[in-house]
Amino acid sequence: MDRKIEINAAPSPREYQKIQEFIFAASGITLGPGKQAMVAGRLGKRLRALGSSNYEDYLQHLLRDPQEKQLAVDLLTTNETYFFREPKHFAFFSEKVIPEWNHLNKPRIWSAASSSGEEAFSIAMVLAERRGQRPWEIFASDLSQSILQTAQAATYPLQRGEKIPKPYLQRFCLKGIGSKEGTFQIDAALRQRVQFHQINLINPLPDLGEFDMIWLRNVLIYFNFDTKAAICQEILQKLRPGGYFLVGHSESLQGITSGLEMVQAAVYRKP
């Protein structure tokens, strides 16, 4: 007899293995051991809503329902981010990279794991402040459809703005009033210069053109070695010679890819 699923019931070892296989096949993410409680917290309510008696039934349902499959991927992927995360990268970008781009007509940047948009909009604020009216372009992507909707809305709780430098907060962020009280929104002029698109990094990339800088921070840690190597190989084909490639400070490209020069911690350059 199928056991009844409670909202917070953890998957059995067999069910958890199948969930690991599902998320790896869908996103390339390796879901390590000991995450059963996290899975229950994120998927349990979906099982109840659909009347699934166990996780295996739910996984079978995902094969028949592409929208639910996307929702499950959204729920199981981590989207921790905040404005101006890892400030040393933004200092390097502002003080070293942007002055180098004086000769470029329209530099292009890819925020390749943009989550809810904080990274892309942080980059945009620096570019707008340092380049003035000169052209630039930011292409931002993520696996999760729901998180991209948040990014495109560009509306955040006020506390999420705590790490935004005050001059940027005053210039580029609009405080909500009325029904929007307690939130702020990125200024429309800045929003229009950032494009958000859904991209699964384990799939062949669409024709994105080339970029002068690619930010792929704090996402490689979720993949195994072979997947990391494949993702980097694919992404680096989109980086122009002389372009910069950034990963998170807790990540390393040692043994994963060759042909890049380390400029400083977690910053590489393509010769």
Protein backbone atom coordinates (compact mmCIF):
# COMPACT_ATOMS: atom_id res chain seq x y z
CA MET A 1 0.00 0.00 0.00
CA ASP A 2 1.28 3.47 -0.87
CA ARG A 3 2.22 5.49 2.16
CA LYS A 4 0.43 8.78 2.63
CA ILE A 5 2.57 11.83 1.97
CA GLU A 6 2.67 14.50 4.61
CA ILE A 7 3.80 17.98 3.60
CA ASN A 8 7.15 17.60 5.33
CA ALA A 9 7.64 13.84 4.83
CA ALA A 10 11.16 13.10 3.60
CA PRO A 11 11.62 10.88 0.56
CA SER A 12 12.75 7.30 1.10
CA PRO A 13 16.33 6.41 0.04
CA ARG A 14 15.03 4.99 -3.25
CA GLU A 15 12.85 8.05 -3.88
CA TYR A 16 15.71 10.39 -3.03
CA GLN A 17 17.98 8.61 -5.50
CA LYS A 18 15.38 9.06 -8.23
CA ILE A 19 15.05 12.76 -7.34
CA GLN A 20 18.83 13.10 -7.57
CA GLU A 21 18.73 11.49 -11.00
CA PHE A 22 15.90 13.79 -12.08
CA ILE A 23 17.55 17.05 -11.12
CA PHE A 24 20.89 15.96 -12.57
CA ALA A 25 19.27 15.07 -15.91
CA ALA A 26 17.25 18.30 -15.96
CA SER A 27 19.91 20.76 -14.85
CA GLY A 28 23.27 19.02 -14.39
CA ILE A 29 23.11 19.85 -10.68
CA THR A 30 24.43 17.22 -8.31
CA LEU A 31 22.13 16.96 -5.29
CA GLY A 32 24.37 15.60 -2.57
CA PRO A 33 23.53 13.34 0.36
CA GLY A 34 21.61 14.62 3.36
CA LYS A 35 19.27 16.95 1.44
CA GLN A 36 16.09 14.92 2.04
CA ALA A 37 14.61 17.47 4.42
CA MET A 38 15.25 20.26 1.91
CA VAL A 39 13.53 18.22 -0.80
CA ALA A 40 10.54 17.58 1.47
CA GLY A 41 10.27 21.25 2.31
CA ARG A 42 10.31 22.30 -1.34
CA LEU A 43 8.34 19.52 -3.02
CA GLY A 44 6.04 18.22 -0.29
CA LYS A 45 3.33 20.81 -0.91
CA ARG A 46 3.34 20.02 -4.62
CA LEU A 47 2.70 16.35 -3.87
CA ARG A 48 -0.24 17.27 -1.67
CA ALA A 49 -1.62 19.73 -4.22
CA LEU A 50 -1.52 17.10 -6.97
CA GLY A 51 -2.70 14.23 -4.79
CA SER A 52 0.46 12.20 -5.38
CA SER A 53 0.77 9.38 -2.87
CA ASN A 54 4.58 9.29 -2.99
CA TYR A 55 7.57 10.92 -4.64
CA GLU A 56 7.86 8.23 -7.31
CA ASP A 57 4.29 8.99 -8.43
CA TYR A 58 5.21 12.66 -8.53
CA LEU A 59 8.29 11.98 -10.67
CA GLN A 60 6.14 10.01 -13.08
CA HIS A 61 3.78 12.99 -13.23
CA LEU A 62 6.72 15.22 -14.21
CA LEU A 63 7.23 13.12 -17.34
CA ARG A 64 3.70 13.98 -18.45
CA ASP A 65 3.57 17.63 -17.39
CA PRO A 66 6.35 19.94 -18.68
CA GLN A 67 5.07 22.88 -16.62
CA GLU A 68 5.24 20.87 -13.39
CA LYS A 69 8.69 19.64 -14.38
CA GLN A 70 9.87 23.24 -14.73
CA LEU A 71 8.28 24.08 -11.40
CA ALA A 72 10.08 21.17 -9.73
CA VAL A 73 13.39 22.32 -11.20
CA ASP A 74 12.68 25.86 -9.98
CA LEU A 75 11.93 24.59 -6.48
CA LEU A 76 15.00 22.36 -6.25
CA THR A 77 17.57 24.83 -7.55
CA THR A 78 19.21 27.25 -5.15
CA ASN A 79 18.91 30.97 -5.91
CA GLU A 80 20.87 32.63 -3.13
CA THR A 81 22.06 36.03 -4.25
CA TYR A 82 22.22 39.67 -3.22
CA PHE A 83 23.29 43.02 -4.59
CA PHE A 84 27.05 43.64 -4.87
CA ARG A 85 27.89 40.14 -3.67
CA GLU A 86 31.68 39.65 -3.39
CA PRO A 87 32.62 43.36 -3.48
CA LYS A 88 36.20 42.73 -4.67
CA HIS A 89 34.81 41.71 -8.04
CA PHE A 90 32.91 44.97 -8.38
CA ALA A 91 35.94 47.00 -7.34
CA PHE A 92 38.04 45.20 -9.98
CA PHE A 93 35.31 45.74 -12.56
CA SER A 94 34.98 49.45 -11.80
CA GLU A 95 38.64 50.33 -11.34
CA LYS A 96 40.40 47.99 -13.79
CA VAL A 97 38.05 46.66 -16.45
CA ILE A 98 35.85 49.62 -17.36
CA PRO A 99 38.83 51.97 -17.98
CA GLU A 100 40.24 49.29 -20.32
CA TRP A 101 37.01 49.45 -22.30
CA ASN A 102 37.33 53.11 -23.26
CA HIS A 103 38.05 52.06 -26.85
CA LEU A 104 35.04 49.75 -27.06
CA ASN A 105 31.90 51.09 -28.66
CA LYS A 106 29.50 48.75 -26.87
CA PRO A 107 30.92 46.23 -24.39
CA ARG A 108 28.77 43.15 -23.78
CA ILE A 109 28.53 41.33 -20.45
CA TRP A 110 26.85 38.02 -19.67
CA SER A 111 25.56 37.32 -16.16
CA ALA A 112 25.24 33.57 -16.77
CA ALA A 113 23.61 32.55 -13.49
CA SER A 114 21.69 35.72 -12.79
CA SER A 115 19.09 34.31 -10.38
CA SER A 116 16.62 37.06 -9.40
CA GLY A 117 18.64 39.79 -11.08
CA GLU A 118 20.70 41.32 -8.28
CA GLU A 119 24.04 40.55 -9.93
CA ALA A 120 23.00 41.86 -13.34
CA PHE A 121 21.57 45.08 -11.91
CA SER A 122 24.64 45.60 -9.72
CA ILE A 123 26.81 45.36 -12.85
CA ALA A 124 24.44 47.73 -14.64
CA MET A 125 24.67 50.34 -11.88
CA VAL A 126 28.46 50.38 -12.10
CA LEU A 127 28.39 50.63 -15.89
CA ALA A 128 25.84 53.43 -15.86
CA GLU A 129 27.88 55.39 -13.34
CA ARG A 130 31.28 54.83 -14.98
CA ARG A 131 30.38 54.96 -18.69
CA GLY A 132 27.71 57.62 -18.54
CA GLN A 133 25.70 57.69 -21.77
CA ARG A 134 28.15 55.50 -23.70
CA PRO A 135 26.57 52.22 -24.92
CA TRP A 136 26.81 48.88 -23.15
CA GLU A 137 24.74 45.72 -22.96
CA ILE A 138 24.02 43.14 -20.27
CA PHE A 139 22.63 39.73 -21.16
CA ALA A 140 21.43 37.82 -18.08
CA SER A 141 20.26 34.22 -17.93
CA ASP A 142 19.09 31.57 -15.51
CA LEU A 143 17.57 28.11 -15.53
CA SER A 144 14.52 29.00 -13.43
CA GLN A 145 11.51 30.58 -15.15
CA SER A 146 9.97 31.80 -11.91
CA ILE A 147 13.15 33.45 -10.69
CA LEU A 148 13.55 35.18 -14.06
CA GLN A 149 10.06 36.65 -13.65
CA THR A 150 11.26 38.18 -10.38
CA ALA A 151 14.34 39.53 -12.15
CA GLN A 152 12.29 41.09 -14.94
CA ALA A 153 9.95 42.74 -12.44
CA ALA A 154 13.05 44.18 -10.72
CA THR A 155 11.12 44.81 -7.51
CA TYR A 156 12.70 43.81 -4.21
CA PRO A 157 12.01 44.12 -0.47
CA LEU A 158 13.69 47.20 1.00
CA GLN A 159 16.06 45.12 3.12
CA ARG A 160 17.52 43.61 -0.06
CA GLY A 161 18.96 47.03 -0.86
CA GLU A 162 21.15 47.22 2.23
CA LYS A 163 24.36 46.35 0.34
CA ILE A 164 23.74 48.75 -2.53
CA PRO A 165 26.07 51.79 -2.15
CA LYS A 166 23.96 54.76 -1.07
CA PRO A 167 24.69 56.89 -4.18
CA TYR A 168 23.54 54.02 -6.38
CA LEU A 169 20.49 53.42 -4.20
CA GLN A 170 19.46 57.05 -4.55
CA ARG A 171 20.14 57.23 -8.28
CA PHE A 172 18.93 53.88 -9.60
CA CYS A 173 16.26 52.65 -7.14
CA LEU A 174 12.70 53.88 -6.67
CA LYS A 175 11.06 53.43 -3.28
CA GLY A 176 7.59 51.91 -3.45
CA ILE A 177 4.53 53.71 -2.11
CA GLY A 178 0.95 52.64 -1.50
CA SER A 179 0.53 48.96 -2.36
CA LYS A 180 4.27 48.81 -3.13
CA GLU A 181 5.32 50.15 0.27
CA GLY A 182 8.23 48.18 1.74
CA THR A 183 9.78 47.54 -1.66
CA PHE A 184 11.98 49.28 -4.19
CA GLN A 185 12.24 48.91 -7.97
CA ILE A 186 15.20 49.37 -10.28
CA ASP A 187 14.82 52.51 -12.38
CA ALA A 188 13.19 51.89 -15.77
CA ALA A 189 16.10 53.35 -17.75
CA LEU A 190 18.44 50.80 -16.16
CA ARG A 191 15.97 47.91 -16.50
CA GLN A 192 15.72 48.51 -20.24
CA ARG A 193 19.44 47.86 -20.67
CA VAL A 194 19.39 44.38 -19.11
CA GLN A 195 17.92 41.45 -21.05
CA PHE A 196 16.83 38.30 -19.19
CA HIS A 197 16.51 34.92 -20.90
CA GLN A 198 16.09 31.32 -19.77
CA ILE A 199 19.16 29.21 -20.53
CA ASN A 200 20.07 25.76 -19.26
CA LEU A 201 23.86 25.72 -19.11
CA ILE A 202 24.11 21.95 -19.64
CA ASN A 203 22.45 22.27 -23.05
CA PRO A 204 24.13 23.57 -26.23
CA LEU A 205 24.06 27.34 -26.06
CA PRO A 206 22.00 29.37 -28.53
CA ASP A 207 23.65 31.97 -30.75
CA LEU A 208 24.39 34.64 -28.17
CA GLY A 209 27.23 36.40 -29.93
CA GLU A 210 30.46 37.15 -28.08
CA PHE A 211 31.01 38.87 -24.76
CA ASP A 212 33.75 41.01 -23.28
CA MET A 213 33.08 39.67 -19.78
CA ILE A 214 31.21 36.66 -18.39
CA TRP A 215 30.16 36.33 -14.76
CA LEU A 216 29.54 32.69 -13.74
CA ARG A 217 29.69 32.99 -9.98
CA ASN A 218 28.63 30.58 -7.25
CA VAL A 219 27.01 28.06 -9.57
CA LEU A 220 29.84 25.67 -10.52
CA ILE A 221 29.85 24.35 -6.94
CA TYR A 222 26.56 22.57 -7.68
CA PHE A 223 27.99 20.48 -10.55
CA ASN A 224 30.29 17.49 -10.66
CA PHE A 225 33.74 17.76 -12.28
CA ASP A 226 32.74 16.58 -15.77
CA THR A 227 29.72 18.90 -15.88
CA LYS A 228 31.81 21.86 -14.72
CA ALA A 229 34.35 21.18 -17.46
CA ALA A 230 31.68 20.85 -20.15
CA ILE A 231 29.89 24.05 -19.06
CA CYS A 232 33.11 26.07 -18.98
CA GLN A 233 34.21 24.77 -22.38
CA GLU A 234 30.89 25.79 -23.91
CA ILE A 235 30.71 29.19 -22.21
CA LEU A 236 34.28 30.21 -22.91
CA GLN A 237 33.63 29.90 -26.64
CA LYS A 238 31.42 32.97 -26.16
CA LEU A 239 34.20 35.02 -24.53
CA ARG A 240 36.23 37.30 -26.77
CA PRO A 241 40.04 37.16 -26.61
CA GLY A 242 41.12 39.51 -23.85
CA GLY A 243 37.77 39.08 -22.11
CA TYR A 244 37.32 38.39 -18.41
CA PHE A 245 35.72 35.34 -16.81
CA LEU A 246 34.60 35.53 -13.17
CA VAL A 247 33.70 32.69 -10.81
CA GLY A 248 32.82 32.76 -7.12
CA HIS A 249 35.58 33.12 -4.55
CA SER A 250 34.68 29.67 -3.19
CA GLU A 251 35.22 28.15 -6.65
CA SER A 252 38.31 27.18 -8.61
CA LEU A 253 38.96 26.37 -12.25
CA GLN A 254 42.04 24.29 -11.46
CA GLY A 255 42.00 21.20 -13.64
CA ILE A 256 38.65 22.20 -15.14
CA THR A 257 39.77 24.37 -18.02
CA SER A 258 43.06 25.51 -19.48
CA GLY A 259 44.10 28.45 -21.55
CA LEU A 260 42.96 31.13 -19.10
CA GLU A 261 45.24 33.49 -17.21
CA MET A 262 44.45 34.14 -13.55
CA VAL A 263 44.34 37.87 -12.93
CA GLN A 264 43.37 37.74 -9.26
CA ALA A 265 41.33 35.46 -7.03
CA ALA A 266 38.33 34.15 -8.99
CA VAL A 267 39.10 36.41 -11.99
CA TYR A 268 40.52 34.95 -15.22
CA ARG A 269 41.34 36.38 -18.63
CA LYS A 270 41.22 34.76 -22.04
CA PRO A 271 44.48 35.43 -23.93
